[in-house]
Amino acid sequence: MASIGENLRHVKETAAAAARRAGRDPARVQLVVVTKTVAPDRIAEALAAGATACGENRVQELLAKQPELPSGVQWHLIGHLQTNKVKLIAGRVQLIHSLDSLHLAREIGRRAVEKGWVAPVLVQVNVAGDPAKYGLPPGEVAGFLQECLLIEGLQVRGLMTIPPLASRAEESRPVFRALRLLAEELRQKMPSLPLELLSMGMSSDYAVAVEEGATLIRVGTAIFGPREG
């Protein structure tokens, strides 16, 4: 069985090869190691092997692990965020991937201002209209971004999506492509919002996501093995 370090290197090499196939600079793709249910000692192995960013789905789990790991780790909140949990992570994460409502946007902005922080966020888009997923319909994103521009303490850095469950990675390609095209369209409409980050792609489909323009890939199982919880 391959080690965590070997798995990490394989993921990085696969992502870099996918970037080169698409004529992209591999350095423009950041790996966010998904650490949901992973013990701190195993996360430390990934960090020792070169991981720099950890992604957690749950606020409580992120807060529990943060003090047990090096202070230089970038922490990303990648799961659905409830408004009553925003105060707990304000100023403690490098990026929130899952902004999906105006109510949440205002709460993030309010808590960020209290902390003297500008909160970097991604807007979650439900590209495929999957009822099992959170996120805004693509047609509502432009208006939502206009509202976000008015919220102090909030900095929209890009978009995120999760495709429907698929048996093959290629089935997710249209979803990833649609998110990239939406970002390009929005940049034209709102040049004050660079939207330079696209968070898309997980263990089963990250290479396809990179080919379609992902700048952040969220990979856990391919590094740590199947989760226990």
Protein backbone atom coordinates (compact mmCIF):
# COMPACT_ATOMS: atom_id res chain seq x y z
CA MET A 1 0.00 0.00 0.00
CA ALA A 2 1.36 3.41 -0.96
CA SER A 3 2.19 5.90 1.78
CA ILE A 4 0.45 9.23 2.27
CA GLY A 5 3.53 10.96 0.90
CA GLU A 6 3.58 8.75 -2.20
CA ASN A 7 -0.13 9.33 -2.78
CA LEU A 8 0.35 13.08 -2.43
CA ARG A 9 3.17 13.09 -4.97
CA HIS A 10 1.05 11.05 -7.38
CA VAL A 11 -1.85 13.52 -7.12
CA LYS A 12 0.47 16.47 -7.69
CA GLU A 13 2.10 14.79 -10.70
CA THR A 14 -1.27 13.85 -12.19
CA ALA A 15 -2.60 17.39 -11.73
CA ALA A 16 0.57 18.88 -13.26
CA ALA A 17 0.30 16.57 -16.28
CA ALA A 18 -3.36 17.55 -16.74
CA ALA A 19 -2.41 21.24 -16.61
CA ARG A 20 0.28 20.75 -19.25
CA ARG A 21 -2.16 18.89 -21.52
CA ALA A 22 -4.43 21.93 -21.36
CA GLY A 23 -1.56 24.34 -22.03
CA ARG A 24 -1.72 25.67 -18.47
CA ASP A 25 1.02 26.40 -15.95
CA PRO A 26 0.91 23.63 -13.30
CA ALA A 27 1.96 26.20 -10.70
CA ARG A 28 -1.46 27.85 -11.12
CA VAL A 29 -3.19 24.82 -9.62
CA GLN A 30 -3.26 24.52 -5.82
CA LEU A 31 -3.96 21.25 -4.05
CA VAL A 32 -6.24 21.52 -1.03
CA VAL A 33 -5.84 18.33 0.98
CA VAL A 34 -9.26 17.33 2.33
CA THR A 35 -8.79 16.28 5.94
CA LYS A 36 -12.34 15.43 7.00
CA THR A 37 -12.18 12.66 9.67
CA VAL A 38 -8.38 12.37 9.20
CA ALA A 39 -6.36 12.32 12.44
CA PRO A 40 -3.79 15.09 12.99
CA ASP A 41 -0.82 12.68 12.88
CA ARG A 42 -1.82 11.55 9.38
CA ILE A 43 -2.39 15.14 8.28
CA ALA A 44 1.11 15.91 9.59
CA GLU A 45 2.46 13.20 7.25
CA ALA A 46 0.89 14.97 4.28
CA LEU A 47 2.29 18.32 5.43
CA ALA A 48 5.75 16.80 5.81
CA ALA A 49 5.45 15.50 2.23
CA GLY A 50 4.72 18.98 0.88
CA ALA A 51 1.02 19.72 1.39
CA THR A 52 0.38 23.35 2.34
CA ALA A 53 -3.41 23.71 2.49
CA CYS A 54 -6.00 21.66 4.37
CA GLY A 55 -9.72 21.67 3.63
CA GLU A 56 -12.31 20.87 6.28
CA ASN A 57 -16.05 20.36 5.81
CA ARG A 58 -17.06 21.02 9.41
CA VAL A 59 -16.23 24.08 11.49
CA GLN A 60 -15.85 22.15 14.76
CA GLU A 61 -13.41 19.69 13.21
CA LEU A 62 -11.33 22.49 11.73
CA LEU A 63 -11.12 24.29 15.08
CA ALA A 64 -10.18 21.10 16.90
CA LYS A 65 -7.33 20.27 14.53
CA GLN A 66 -5.93 23.76 13.98
CA PRO A 67 -3.98 23.97 17.27
CA GLU A 68 -2.55 20.47 16.79
CA LEU A 69 -0.87 21.29 13.49
CA PRO A 70 1.78 23.83 12.39
CA SER A 71 0.75 27.48 12.38
CA GLY A 72 1.76 27.94 8.74
CA VAL A 73 -0.95 25.63 7.38
CA GLN A 74 -3.57 27.27 5.17
CA TRP A 75 -7.05 26.28 6.31
CA HIS A 76 -9.94 26.23 3.85
CA LEU A 77 -13.59 25.75 4.86
CA ILE A 78 -14.95 23.69 1.98
CA GLY A 79 -18.25 22.39 3.37
CA HIS A 80 -21.62 24.04 3.79
CA LEU A 81 -21.35 26.90 6.28
CA GLN A 82 -24.19 27.76 8.64
CA THR A 83 -24.54 31.42 9.59
CA ASN A 84 -24.34 30.64 13.32
CA LYS A 85 -20.86 29.14 12.81
CA VAL A 86 -19.36 32.11 10.96
CA LYS A 87 -18.22 33.83 14.17
CA LEU A 88 -16.15 30.76 15.06
CA ILE A 89 -13.99 30.85 11.93
CA ALA A 90 -13.77 34.60 11.27
CA GLY A 91 -10.08 35.41 10.81
CA ARG A 92 -9.06 31.76 11.17
CA VAL A 93 -9.33 30.50 7.57
CA GLN A 94 -7.61 31.50 4.35
CA LEU A 95 -10.64 30.83 2.14
CA ILE A 96 -14.33 29.94 2.44
CA HIS A 97 -15.35 27.86 -0.61
CA SER A 98 -19.08 27.64 0.01
CA LEU A 99 -20.84 31.02 0.01
CA ASP A 100 -24.35 30.23 -1.21
CA SER A 101 -26.75 32.89 0.12
CA LEU A 102 -27.01 36.61 0.68
CA HIS A 103 -27.84 36.04 4.34
CA LEU A 104 -24.58 34.12 4.77
CA ALA A 105 -22.63 36.75 2.79
CA ARG A 106 -23.85 39.51 5.11
CA GLU A 107 -23.01 37.51 8.22
CA ILE A 108 -19.50 36.74 6.94
CA GLY A 109 -19.00 40.44 6.16
CA ARG A 110 -20.29 41.52 9.57
CA ARG A 111 -18.07 39.11 11.47
CA ALA A 112 -15.07 39.98 9.28
CA VAL A 113 -15.45 43.69 10.05
CA GLU A 114 -15.63 42.89 13.78
CA LYS A 115 -12.31 41.05 13.45
CA GLY A 116 -10.67 43.72 11.27
CA TRP A 117 -10.46 41.08 8.53
CA VAL A 118 -11.47 40.87 4.90
CA ALA A 119 -13.00 37.45 4.29
CA PRO A 120 -11.92 35.74 1.04
CA VAL A 121 -14.79 33.66 -0.32
CA LEU A 122 -15.87 31.63 -3.32
CA VAL A 123 -19.46 31.54 -4.50
CA GLN A 124 -20.80 27.99 -4.73
CA VAL A 125 -22.65 27.39 -7.99
CA ASN A 126 -24.97 24.44 -8.51
CA VAL A 127 -24.14 24.18 -12.20
CA ALA A 128 -26.11 20.98 -12.83
CA GLY A 129 -29.14 21.92 -10.73
CA ASP A 130 -28.51 18.88 -8.54
CA PRO A 131 -31.10 18.86 -5.72
CA ALA A 132 -28.58 17.06 -3.49
CA LYS A 133 -26.11 19.96 -3.69
CA TYR A 134 -25.96 23.47 -2.29
CA GLY A 135 -25.19 26.48 -4.47
CA LEU A 136 -26.75 29.19 -6.59
CA PRO A 137 -28.23 28.50 -10.02
CA PRO A 138 -25.84 29.88 -12.68
CA GLY A 139 -28.39 32.47 -13.82
CA GLU A 140 -28.50 34.05 -10.36
CA VAL A 141 -24.75 34.46 -9.85
CA ALA A 142 -24.30 37.82 -11.59
CA GLY A 143 -26.98 39.52 -9.50
CA PHE A 144 -25.65 37.86 -6.36
CA LEU A 145 -22.15 39.17 -7.05
CA GLN A 146 -23.50 42.70 -7.49
CA GLU A 147 -25.01 42.43 -4.00
CA CYS A 148 -21.75 41.04 -2.59
CA LEU A 149 -19.84 44.06 -3.89
CA LEU A 150 -21.84 46.19 -1.45
CA ILE A 151 -20.90 44.10 1.62
CA GLU A 152 -18.01 45.44 3.66
CA GLY A 153 -15.53 42.82 4.82
CA LEU A 154 -16.25 40.42 1.96
CA GLN A 155 -13.91 39.66 -0.92
CA VAL A 156 -15.23 37.33 -3.62
CA ARG A 157 -12.23 35.57 -5.18
CA GLY A 158 -13.96 33.13 -7.51
CA LEU A 159 -16.42 30.28 -7.90
CA MET A 160 -16.80 26.70 -6.65
CA THR A 161 -18.88 23.77 -7.79
CA ILE A 162 -19.51 20.11 -6.96
CA PRO A 163 -20.81 18.01 -9.88
CA PRO A 164 -23.43 15.28 -9.44
CA LEU A 165 -22.14 11.86 -8.46
CA ALA A 166 -20.80 10.16 -11.58
CA SER A 167 -19.36 6.76 -12.45
CA ARG A 168 -16.69 8.25 -14.75
CA ALA A 169 -14.64 11.43 -14.43
CA GLU A 170 -15.50 12.47 -17.98
CA GLU A 171 -19.16 12.84 -16.98
CA SER A 172 -18.16 15.81 -14.82
CA ARG A 173 -16.36 17.65 -17.63
CA PRO A 174 -19.43 19.62 -18.85
CA VAL A 175 -20.03 20.89 -15.31
CA PHE A 176 -16.43 22.04 -14.90
CA ARG A 177 -16.40 23.64 -18.34
CA ALA A 178 -19.65 25.46 -17.60
CA LEU A 179 -18.20 26.93 -14.40
CA ARG A 180 -15.12 28.17 -16.24
CA LEU A 181 -17.23 29.75 -18.97
CA LEU A 182 -19.48 31.36 -16.37
CA ALA A 183 -16.44 32.87 -14.65
CA GLU A 184 -15.16 34.21 -17.98
CA GLU A 185 -18.55 35.77 -18.73
CA LEU A 186 -18.75 37.35 -15.28
CA ARG A 187 -15.24 38.80 -15.57
CA GLN A 188 -16.35 40.60 -18.72
CA LYS A 189 -19.44 42.00 -16.98
CA MET A 190 -17.71 42.88 -13.70
CA PRO A 191 -14.03 43.68 -14.26
CA SER A 192 -13.73 44.87 -10.65
CA LEU A 193 -14.20 41.22 -9.61
CA PRO A 194 -11.27 39.24 -11.05
CA LEU A 195 -12.78 35.86 -10.05
CA GLU A 196 -9.37 34.29 -10.50
CA LEU A 197 -10.09 31.17 -8.43
CA LEU A 198 -12.07 28.14 -9.58
CA SER A 199 -12.49 25.41 -6.95
CA MET A 200 -13.57 22.22 -8.67
CA GLY A 201 -12.47 18.62 -8.82
CA MET A 202 -12.08 15.95 -6.14
CA SER A 203 -10.35 12.57 -5.89
CA SER A 204 -12.35 10.94 -8.67
CA ASP A 205 -12.21 13.74 -11.24
CA TYR A 206 -9.52 16.30 -10.37
CA ALA A 207 -7.49 15.70 -13.56
CA VAL A 208 -10.52 16.54 -15.73
CA ALA A 209 -11.19 19.60 -13.55
CA VAL A 210 -7.63 20.83 -14.08
CA GLU A 211 -7.97 20.35 -17.84
CA GLU A 212 -11.07 22.54 -17.67
CA GLY A 213 -9.47 25.34 -15.67
CA ALA A 214 -9.52 24.47 -11.95
CA THR A 215 -7.14 26.53 -9.85
CA LEU A 216 -8.04 24.71 -6.62
CA ILE A 217 -8.61 20.96 -6.40
CA ARG A 218 -10.02 19.35 -3.24
CA VAL A 219 -8.51 15.88 -2.79
CA GLY A 220 -8.77 13.61 0.24
CA THR A 221 -9.50 9.95 -0.57
CA ALA A 222 -6.74 9.72 -3.20
CA ILE A 223 -4.24 10.80 -0.52
CA PHE A 224 -5.53 9.27 2.74
CA GLY A 225 -7.68 6.41 1.46
CA PRO A 226 -11.44 5.95 2.05
CA ARG A 227 -12.84 7.90 4.98
CA GLU A 228 -14.16 6.09 8.02
CA GLY A 229 -16.90 8.60 8.74
